[in-house]
């Protein structure tokens, strides 16, 4: 009887816990918007910011790249070397301020860099999150949504 009671207590405890969130790798931060958690690689150097997601074939589900900046501004992003479309989520502090949804990757070989369009937010941003195209619409993200960072970030900080 005592063994059965211990088993029942353990089962109830585990049932209430739910799945544990994925652990963060070095250089990652968790970005949560509207309750949906994205594991984001942090572009915390000029070299990483310049390369961004260029040269990759895609992103794993619920993954992205976060670009932190020391001050809020209307930074320009372009799709040099991109092989897939993305959503660009512009963040100031802990709020979404603008979205550039379904930013198209360049088509065809030898695309002239000067011909690539630039994407900018409608308001200054100090953090930029890139995710797979369609993510913002699928999850209902909108300007004004709260954003939580794990670990918490200070302005322009890359995180641990």
Protein backbone atom coordinates (compact mmCIF):
# COMPACT_ATOMS: atom_id res chain seq x y z
CA UNK A 1 0.00 0.00 0.00
CA UNK A 2 2.80 2.41 0.92
CA UNK A 3 4.56 1.68 -2.39
CA UNK A 4 1.36 2.41 -4.32
CA UNK A 5 0.91 5.72 -2.46
CA UNK A 6 4.48 6.77 -3.31
CA UNK A 7 3.93 5.86 -6.97
CA UNK A 8 0.67 7.85 -7.05
CA UNK A 9 2.34 10.88 -5.43
CA UNK A 10 5.21 10.75 -7.94
CA UNK A 11 2.78 10.41 -10.87
CA UNK A 12 0.78 13.44 -9.68
CA UNK A 13 3.95 15.47 -9.22
CA UNK A 14 5.20 14.66 -12.71
CA UNK A 15 1.81 15.29 -14.31
CA UNK A 16 1.77 18.83 -12.94
CA UNK A 17 5.24 19.68 -14.12
CA UNK A 18 4.78 19.43 -17.90
CA UNK A 19 7.73 19.13 -20.24
CA UNK A 20 10.87 20.98 -19.24
CA UNK A 21 11.88 23.78 -21.62
CA UNK A 22 14.85 23.05 -23.85
CA UNK A 23 18.18 23.99 -22.27
CA UNK A 24 20.03 26.94 -23.73
CA UNK A 25 23.29 26.33 -25.54
CA UNK A 26 26.17 28.80 -25.15
CA UNK A 27 25.43 31.89 -27.24
CA UNK A 28 21.66 31.31 -27.14
CA UNK A 29 18.83 33.23 -25.54
CA UNK A 30 15.17 32.20 -25.25
CA UNK A 31 12.79 34.80 -26.67
CA UNK A 32 9.13 34.42 -25.65
CA UNK A 33 6.34 36.27 -27.43
CA UNK A 34 2.66 35.50 -26.73
CA UNK A 35 3.72 32.41 -24.77
CA UNK A 36 5.73 30.92 -27.64
CA UNK A 37 9.42 30.30 -26.93
CA UNK A 38 12.05 30.72 -29.66
CA UNK A 39 15.64 29.56 -29.07
CA UNK A 40 17.72 32.27 -30.67
CA UNK A 41 21.38 32.25 -31.56
CA UNK A 42 22.80 35.66 -30.62
CA UNK A 43 24.63 37.68 -33.27
CA UNK A 44 26.81 39.49 -30.74
CA UNK A 45 29.75 40.53 -32.94
CA UNK A 46 29.91 42.67 -36.07
CA UNK A 47 30.99 39.60 -38.06
CA UNK A 48 27.98 37.58 -36.88
CA UNK A 49 25.64 40.51 -37.54
CA UNK A 50 27.00 40.94 -41.07
CA UNK A 51 26.64 37.22 -41.89
CA UNK A 52 23.33 36.71 -40.07
CA UNK A 53 21.53 33.66 -41.41
CA UNK A 54 23.23 33.95 -44.82
CA UNK A 55 24.57 30.72 -46.29
CA UNK A 56 22.17 28.50 -44.33
CA UNK A 57 19.46 26.34 -45.83
CA UNK A 58 16.88 27.03 -43.13
CA UNK A 59 16.09 27.13 -39.43
CA UNK A 60 15.03 24.37 -37.07
CA UNK A 61 11.46 24.75 -35.78
CA UNK A 62 11.18 27.31 -32.96
CA UNK A 63 14.69 28.66 -33.61
CA UNK A 64 15.92 32.03 -34.78
CA UNK A 65 18.66 34.63 -34.57
CA UNK A 66 18.69 37.67 -32.28
CA UNK A 67 20.61 40.85 -33.13
CA UNK A 68 21.12 43.11 -30.06
CA UNK A 69 22.09 46.79 -30.49
CA UNK A 70 23.28 49.30 -27.87
CA UNK A 71 20.74 51.98 -28.90
CA UNK A 72 17.36 51.93 -30.60
CA UNK A 73 17.42 53.01 -34.26
CA UNK A 74 15.84 52.12 -37.61
CA UNK A 75 18.57 49.60 -38.56
CA UNK A 76 18.51 48.32 -42.15
CA UNK A 77 18.54 44.57 -42.82
CA UNK A 78 19.05 42.90 -46.17
CA UNK A 79 18.98 39.33 -47.40
CA UNK A 80 22.55 38.88 -48.67
CA UNK A 81 23.42 35.18 -48.96
CA UNK A 82 19.95 34.08 -47.79
CA UNK A 83 18.47 30.85 -49.13
CA UNK A 84 15.05 31.06 -47.45
CA UNK A 85 12.41 33.65 -46.53
CA UNK A 86 12.13 34.99 -42.98
CA UNK A 87 10.01 37.13 -40.69
CA UNK A 88 11.88 40.02 -39.08
CA UNK A 89 10.59 41.00 -35.65
CA UNK A 90 11.70 44.48 -34.55
CA UNK A 91 11.85 44.89 -30.75
CA UNK A 92 12.51 47.89 -28.51
CA UNK A 93 13.14 47.01 -24.89
CA UNK A 94 10.59 44.28 -24.20
CA UNK A 95 7.94 45.11 -26.84
CA UNK A 96 7.48 44.25 -30.50
CA UNK A 97 7.46 47.57 -32.39
CA UNK A 98 7.25 46.38 -36.00
CA UNK A 99 7.14 43.27 -38.20
CA UNK A 100 8.57 42.63 -41.67
CA UNK A 101 6.76 39.44 -42.59
CA UNK A 102 7.86 37.03 -45.31
CA UNK A 103 11.00 38.95 -46.29
CA UNK A 104 11.98 37.19 -49.54
CA UNK A 105 15.40 35.72 -50.13
CA UNK A 106 17.22 36.64 -53.36
CA UNK A 107 16.36 34.42 -56.32
CA UNK A 108 18.80 33.10 -58.88
CA UNK A 109 22.59 32.97 -59.12
CA UNK A 110 24.74 36.08 -59.07
CA UNK A 111 22.19 38.47 -57.56
CA UNK A 112 23.70 41.96 -57.37
CA UNK A 113 24.01 43.06 -53.72
CA UNK A 114 23.06 46.61 -54.75
CA UNK A 115 19.71 45.29 -56.01
CA UNK A 116 18.75 43.71 -52.68
CA UNK A 117 15.92 45.51 -50.87
CA UNK A 118 16.45 46.82 -47.35
CA UNK A 119 14.03 46.10 -44.54
CA UNK A 120 13.58 48.65 -41.73
CA UNK A 121 11.19 48.93 -38.81
CA UNK A 122 8.48 51.57 -38.65
CA UNK A 123 9.89 52.62 -35.24
CA UNK A 124 13.38 52.48 -33.72
CA UNK A 125 14.38 49.04 -32.38
CA UNK A 126 17.30 47.83 -30.26
CA UNK A 127 16.79 44.09 -30.84
CA UNK A 128 15.90 42.24 -34.00
CA UNK A 129 14.67 38.65 -34.12
CA UNK A 130 14.75 36.66 -37.35
CA UNK A 131 12.52 33.56 -37.56
CA UNK A 132 11.20 31.29 -40.29
CA UNK A 133 8.76 33.04 -42.67
CA UNK A 134 5.15 32.70 -41.54
CA UNK A 135 5.97 32.37 -37.84
CA UNK A 136 4.61 35.81 -36.87
CA UNK A 137 1.27 35.24 -38.62
CA UNK A 138 0.94 31.65 -37.40
CA UNK A 139 1.48 32.70 -33.78
CA UNK A 140 -0.48 35.95 -34.01
CA UNK A 141 2.45 38.24 -33.18
CA UNK A 142 1.64 41.95 -33.42
CA UNK A 143 3.30 45.29 -32.61
CA UNK A 144 2.80 45.98 -28.91
CA UNK A 145 3.25 42.33 -27.87
CA UNK A 146 5.39 41.82 -24.77
CA UNK A 147 8.73 40.05 -25.24
CA UNK A 148 10.57 38.13 -22.52
CA UNK A 149 14.23 37.16 -22.73
CA UNK A 150 15.81 34.29 -20.79
CA UNK A 151 18.22 35.19 -19.39
CA UNK A 152 16.97 38.78 -19.10
CA UNK A 153 18.85 41.22 -21.35
CA UNK A 154 19.87 44.80 -20.81
CA UNK A 155 19.76 47.10 -23.83
CA UNK A 156 22.26 45.86 -26.43
CA UNK A 157 23.36 42.96 -24.24
CA UNK A 158 23.88 39.56 -25.84
CA UNK A 159 23.05 37.42 -22.84
CA UNK A 160 24.91 34.51 -21.32
